[in-house]
Protein backbone atom coordinates (compact mmCIF):
# COMPACT_ATOMS: atom_id res chain seq x y z
CA UNK A 1 29.77 7.20 9.40
CA UNK A 2 27.74 5.13 6.94
CA UNK A 3 28.35 4.53 3.18
CA UNK A 4 25.95 5.82 0.36
CA UNK A 5 24.36 3.15 -1.78
CA UNK A 6 22.27 5.70 -3.74
CA UNK A 7 21.72 9.42 -3.61
CA UNK A 8 17.99 10.41 -4.03
CA UNK A 9 18.44 14.15 -3.68
CA UNK A 10 20.38 16.65 -1.34
CA UNK A 11 18.30 15.74 1.58
CA UNK A 12 17.97 11.86 1.32
CA UNK A 13 19.89 8.71 0.39
CA UNK A 14 19.97 4.99 0.72
CA UNK A 15 22.83 3.84 2.85
CA UNK A 16 24.60 0.49 3.61
CA UNK A 17 24.81 -0.40 7.23
CA UNK A 18 26.66 -3.59 6.92
CA UNK A 19 25.61 -7.22 6.94
CA UNK A 20 23.63 -6.59 3.83
CA UNK A 21 21.33 -4.22 5.73
CA UNK A 22 20.16 -0.89 4.23
CA UNK A 23 18.30 2.08 5.35
CA UNK A 24 16.88 5.46 3.98
CA UNK A 25 18.24 8.52 5.72
CA UNK A 26 16.94 12.02 5.67
CA UNK A 27 18.47 15.24 6.83
CA UNK A 28 18.96 18.70 5.51
CA UNK A 29 21.89 18.78 2.96
CA UNK A 30 23.01 15.27 4.09
CA UNK A 31 23.75 14.15 0.66
CA UNK A 32 24.70 17.39 -0.86
CA UNK A 33 27.68 16.84 -3.26
CA UNK A 34 27.83 13.17 -2.28
CA UNK A 35 27.94 10.11 -4.47
CA UNK A 36 27.58 6.29 -4.24
CA UNK A 37 30.47 4.95 -2.04
CA UNK A 38 30.85 8.38 -0.03
CA UNK A 39 30.33 8.47 3.61
CA UNK A 40 27.50 10.47 5.38
CA UNK A 41 27.94 12.04 8.81
CA UNK A 42 25.52 10.13 10.96
CA UNK A 43 25.22 13.15 13.26
CA UNK A 44 23.40 14.83 10.27
CA UNK A 45 20.72 12.17 10.13
CA UNK A 46 17.27 13.48 11.21
CA UNK A 47 15.25 10.46 10.33
CA UNK A 48 16.12 6.87 9.30
CA UNK A 49 13.93 4.11 7.98
CA UNK A 50 15.38 0.71 8.30
CA UNK A 51 14.88 -1.74 5.30
CA UNK A 52 15.18 -5.01 7.52
CA UNK A 53 14.25 -7.50 4.81
CA UNK A 54 15.13 -8.17 1.27
CA UNK A 55 11.55 -7.84 0.37
CA UNK A 56 11.60 -4.24 1.95
CA UNK A 57 14.55 -3.36 -0.22
CA UNK A 58 12.93 -4.76 -3.38
CA UNK A 59 9.76 -2.73 -2.55
CA UNK A 60 11.82 0.39 -2.25
CA UNK A 61 13.26 -0.07 -5.84
CA UNK A 62 9.87 -0.79 -7.14
CA UNK A 63 8.44 2.55 -5.60
CA UNK A 64 11.23 4.84 -6.84
CA UNK A 65 10.90 3.71 -10.41
CA UNK A 66 7.78 5.91 -10.78
CA UNK A 67 7.03 7.73 -7.49
CA UNK A 68 8.97 10.86 -6.49
CA UNK A 69 11.44 10.34 -3.54
CA UNK A 70 9.57 12.90 -1.41
CA UNK A 71 6.50 10.92 -1.54
CA UNK A 72 8.26 7.64 -0.88
CA UNK A 73 10.01 8.88 2.15
CA UNK A 74 6.76 10.52 3.36
CA UNK A 75 5.21 6.95 3.17
CA UNK A 76 7.91 5.43 5.01
CA UNK A 77 7.56 8.20 7.80
CA UNK A 78 3.85 7.43 8.10
CA UNK A 79 4.52 3.62 8.40
CA UNK A 80 7.16 4.23 10.84
CA UNK A 81 5.12 6.45 12.92
CA UNK A 82 2.43 3.65 13.09
CA UNK A 83 5.02 1.03 14.10
CA UNK A 84 6.68 3.19 16.77
CA UNK A 85 3.57 4.84 18.21
CA UNK A 86 1.11 2.01 18.16
CA UNK A 87 3.38 -1.02 17.84
CA UNK A 88 1.45 -1.70 14.63
CA UNK A 89 2.68 -4.55 12.62
CA UNK A 90 2.33 -4.17 8.77
CA UNK A 91 3.21 -6.31 5.76
CA UNK A 92 5.96 -4.95 3.64
CA UNK A 93 3.68 -4.40 0.70
CA UNK A 94 1.97 -1.56 2.51
CA UNK A 95 4.89 0.64 1.44
CA UNK A 96 3.73 0.02 -2.16
CA UNK A 97 0.10 0.34 -1.87
CA UNK A 98 0.10 3.28 0.36
CA UNK A 99 2.90 5.21 -1.54
CA UNK A 100 0.96 4.47 -4.74
CA UNK A 101 -2.27 5.93 -3.13
CA UNK A 102 -0.55 9.07 -1.82
CA UNK A 103 1.07 9.71 -5.07
CA UNK A 104 -2.24 9.33 -6.98
CA UNK A 105 -4.15 11.57 -4.64
CA UNK A 106 -1.29 14.15 -4.78
CA UNK A 107 -1.53 14.22 -8.62
CA UNK A 108 -5.28 14.47 -8.59
CA UNK A 109 -5.28 17.40 -6.08
CA UNK A 110 -2.68 19.38 -8.19
CA UNK A 111 -4.68 18.63 -11.37
CA UNK A 112 -7.96 19.57 -9.77
CA UNK A 113 -9.54 16.26 -10.60
CA UNK A 114 -9.72 14.95 -7.09
CA UNK A 115 -12.93 13.21 -6.07
CA UNK A 116 -13.72 12.29 -2.47
CA UNK A 117 -13.58 8.49 -1.80
CA UNK A 118 -16.74 6.60 -1.52
CA UNK A 119 -15.34 4.50 1.23
CA UNK A 120 -17.59 4.70 4.27
CA UNK A 121 -16.22 5.75 7.54
CA UNK A 122 -15.04 2.92 9.59
CA UNK A 123 -13.42 4.83 12.55
CA UNK A 124 -15.70 2.94 15.14
CA UNK A 125 -14.45 -0.50 13.97
CA UNK A 126 -10.90 0.65 13.48
CA UNK A 127 -9.92 3.47 15.94
CA UNK A 128 -6.06 2.97 15.79
CA UNK A 129 -5.97 3.02 12.20
CA UNK A 130 -7.93 6.21 12.05
CA UNK A 131 -5.56 7.72 14.56
CA UNK A 132 -2.63 6.86 12.27
CA UNK A 133 -4.28 8.20 9.17
CA UNK A 134 -5.18 11.58 10.89
CA UNK A 135 -1.47 11.99 11.78
CA UNK A 136 -0.45 10.89 8.33
CA UNK A 137 -2.39 13.91 6.84
CA UNK A 138 -0.05 16.14 9.11
CA UNK A 139 3.04 14.27 7.95
CA UNK A 140 1.81 14.84 4.20
CA UNK A 141 1.34 18.54 4.74
CA UNK A 142 4.71 18.97 6.61
CA UNK A 143 6.70 17.06 3.95
CA UNK A 144 4.84 17.86 0.62
CA UNK A 145 3.39 21.33 1.39
CA UNK A 146 0.00 20.16 0.23
CA UNK A 147 -3.29 19.77 2.27
CA UNK A 148 -5.08 16.38 1.71
CA UNK A 149 -8.84 16.49 2.19
CA UNK A 150 -10.02 15.11 5.55
CA UNK A 151 -11.93 12.31 3.69
CA UNK A 152 -8.39 10.89 2.72
CA UNK A 153 -8.28 9.49 6.31
CA UNK A 154 -10.70 6.83 5.29
CA UNK A 155 -8.53 5.74 2.36
CA UNK A 156 -5.21 5.76 4.28
CA UNK A 157 -6.85 3.93 7.13
CA UNK A 158 -7.88 1.18 4.77
CA UNK A 159 -4.43 0.67 3.61
CA UNK A 160 -3.37 -0.14 7.20
CA UNK A 161 -6.43 -2.38 7.90
CA UNK A 162 -5.73 -4.46 4.85
CA UNK A 163 -1.95 -4.79 5.48
CA UNK A 164 -2.12 -5.50 9.30
CA UNK A 165 0.01 -8.54 10.22
CA UNK A 166 3.17 -10.03 11.49
CA UNK A 167 6.05 -10.15 8.87
CA UNK A 168 6.59 -13.75 9.80
CA UNK A 169 3.42 -14.53 7.79
CA UNK A 170 5.45 -14.16 4.61
CA UNK A 171 7.63 -17.09 5.40
CA UNK A 172 4.49 -19.22 5.79
CA UNK A 173 3.26 -18.49 2.23
CA UNK A 174 2.87 -21.81 0.23
CA UNK A 175 3.99 -21.43 -3.33
CA UNK A 176 1.29 -23.60 -4.62
CA UNK A 177 -1.40 -21.58 -2.85
CA UNK A 178 -0.03 -18.33 -4.30
CA UNK A 179 0.15 -19.91 -7.87
CA UNK A 180 -3.56 -21.09 -7.36
CA UNK A 181 -4.58 -17.54 -6.39
CA UNK A 182 -2.91 -15.99 -9.42
CA UNK A 183 -4.34 -18.67 -11.80
CA UNK A 184 -7.93 -18.07 -10.55
CA UNK A 185 -7.59 -14.18 -10.67
CA UNK A 186 -5.93 -14.03 -14.11
CA UNK A 187 -8.63 -16.53 -15.49
CA UNK A 188 -11.46 -14.24 -14.44
CA UNK A 189 -9.57 -11.14 -15.53
CA UNK A 190 -9.08 -12.64 -18.96
CA UNK A 191 -12.64 -13.80 -19.20
CA UNK A 192 -13.69 -10.30 -18.62
CA UNK A 193 -11.14 -8.97 -21.38
CA UNK A 194 -8.77 -7.39 -18.74
CA UNK A 195 -5.20 -7.78 -19.68
CA UNK A 196 -1.90 -6.21 -18.59
CA UNK A 197 -1.07 -3.53 -21.27
CA UNK A 198 1.15 -0.47 -21.11
CA UNK A 199 -1.58 1.82 -19.97
CA UNK A 200 -2.53 -0.14 -16.99
CA UNK A 201 0.74 -1.89 -16.14
CA UNK A 202 1.32 0.02 -12.88
CA UNK A 203 -2.22 -0.84 -11.59
CA UNK A 204 -2.02 -4.45 -12.85
CA UNK A 205 1.47 -5.09 -11.12
CA UNK A 206 0.01 -3.62 -7.89
CA UNK A 207 -2.93 -5.84 -7.89
CA UNK A 208 -0.40 -8.89 -8.44
CA UNK A 209 1.61 -7.67 -5.50
CA UNK A 210 -1.64 -7.48 -3.39
CA UNK A 211 -2.31 -11.13 -4.32
CA UNK A 212 1.24 -12.22 -3.61
CA UNK A 213 0.43 -11.54 0.05
CA UNK A 214 -3.12 -12.69 0.15
CA UNK A 215 -1.99 -16.38 1.05
CA UNK A 216 -0.95 -15.05 4.45
CA UNK A 217 -4.46 -13.60 5.21
CA UNK A 218 -6.56 -16.61 4.39
CA UNK A 219 -9.09 -17.74 6.93
CA UNK A 220 -8.79 -14.46 8.69
CA UNK A 221 -12.42 -13.30 8.77
CA UNK A 222 -13.98 -11.28 11.47
CA UNK A 223 -17.48 -12.28 12.29
CA UNK A 224 -18.04 -9.25 14.55
CA UNK A 225 -18.04 -7.03 11.37
CA UNK A 226 -20.49 -9.04 9.38
CA UNK A 227 -23.42 -6.55 9.55
CA UNK A 228 -20.98 -3.79 8.78
CA UNK A 229 -19.38 -5.59 5.93
CA UNK A 230 -22.89 -6.38 4.38
CA UNK A 231 -23.70 -2.55 4.40
CA UNK A 232 -20.27 -1.80 2.79
CA UNK A 233 -20.82 -4.48 0.15
CA UNK A 234 -24.11 -2.98 -0.81
CA UNK A 235 -22.69 0.46 -1.03
CA UNK A 236 -19.78 -0.48 -3.17
CA UNK A 237 -22.18 -2.62 -5.53
CA UNK A 238 -24.28 0.50 -6.20
CA UNK A 239 -21.33 2.88 -6.63
CA UNK A 240 -19.23 0.58 -8.90
CA UNK A 241 -21.52 -2.20 -10.37
CA UNK A 242 -19.14 -3.46 -13.06
CA UNK A 243 -16.09 -3.50 -10.91
CA UNK A 244 -18.09 -5.17 -8.09
CA UNK A 245 -19.40 -7.94 -10.37
CA UNK A 246 -15.78 -8.79 -11.42
CA UNK A 247 -14.29 -8.49 -7.95
CA UNK A 248 -17.24 -10.54 -6.39
CA UNK A 249 -16.55 -13.29 -8.82
CA UNK A 250 -12.97 -13.33 -8.02
CA UNK A 251 -13.69 -13.17 -4.12
CA UNK A 252 -16.28 -16.09 -4.42
CA UNK A 253 -14.04 -18.23 -6.65
CA UNK A 254 -11.10 -17.98 -4.39
CA UNK A 255 -13.14 -19.12 -1.36
CA UNK A 256 -14.93 -22.04 -3.28
CA UNK A 257 -11.92 -23.38 -5.20
CA UNK A 258 -9.29 -22.94 -2.43
CA UNK A 259 -11.73 -23.87 0.39
CA UNK A 260 -10.74 -20.82 2.45
CA UNK A 261 -12.58 -17.85 4.03
CA UNK A 262 -11.59 -14.33 3.09
CA UNK A 263 -12.01 -11.23 5.12
CA UNK A 264 -14.65 -8.93 3.76
CA UNK A 265 -12.04 -6.14 3.38
CA UNK A 266 -10.44 -8.17 0.55
CA UNK A 267 -13.62 -7.75 -1.47
CA UNK A 268 -13.23 -4.03 -0.94
CA UNK A 269 -9.69 -4.02 -2.21
CA UNK A 270 -10.56 -6.20 -5.21
CA UNK A 271 -13.19 -3.71 -6.15
CA UNK A 272 -10.68 -0.78 -5.92
CA UNK A 273 -8.17 -2.61 -8.04
CA UNK A 274 -10.59 -3.67 -10.65
CA UNK A 275 -12.02 -0.10 -10.70
CA UNK A 276 -8.54 1.20 -11.49
CA UNK A 277 -7.98 -1.38 -14.19
CA UNK A 278 -11.17 -0.61 -15.92
CA UNK A 279 -11.53 3.01 -14.99
CA UNK A 280 -15.22 2.72 -14.17
CA UNK A 281 -16.91 5.93 -13.09
CA UNK A 282 -18.98 5.91 -9.95
CA UNK A 283 -22.64 6.04 -10.04
């Protein structure tokens, strides 16, 4: 028996496991007529997603503020599959970025405004991530009863590519480095008249979360993908010229001012974040 910390719906809840540990549990009717402090019969638990760190718990609360719990638990199930099937290490912030992406695509499909991603196919360079993303589409269909386009595998794979790493990296983040990153980025955003306002607050906050973990990925460039990265850079420049210009300025400034080397995937993510903030239409 475990104690409920928060009921999400009849089929899912947040539970306390003792020693300040928490987990999300799923099961048919598992939380029906239950409230905070009640016990859940562990024999009814069909899936359990452990929140092993304080950051993981904070990210959950960040997600459930504006994303439906069924999409949140679907996100956790996808990442749990990657961890168990491929022993794939992801940083905690992947839950936020992937959950946000799935929710956005879900809304656009329902409103008939979905457009296929311009991200090129990278399956030859990242076969494991693409295997994960293909299975993710099955999980989404099973849990949410909606069929995502096959092109979504590219976008979902990118979230895993960008968030790959050992959790121990977070403890190595230097506060001054993180502050330096934020100062450089915010200075460039301000110069381009991009500010945090109510209309873009969610996208702005997610960009800041991405930057929070960036210090753990500095000097992590892959020379083997240089030619591929140059082609990708050209394609994104043609598709999103304004977003590319701002993102490239951020990318180059961080490298020069902090004397570090960034992976080319960071530039792609900067473009995506900037594009969301300024809502630039693709060429």
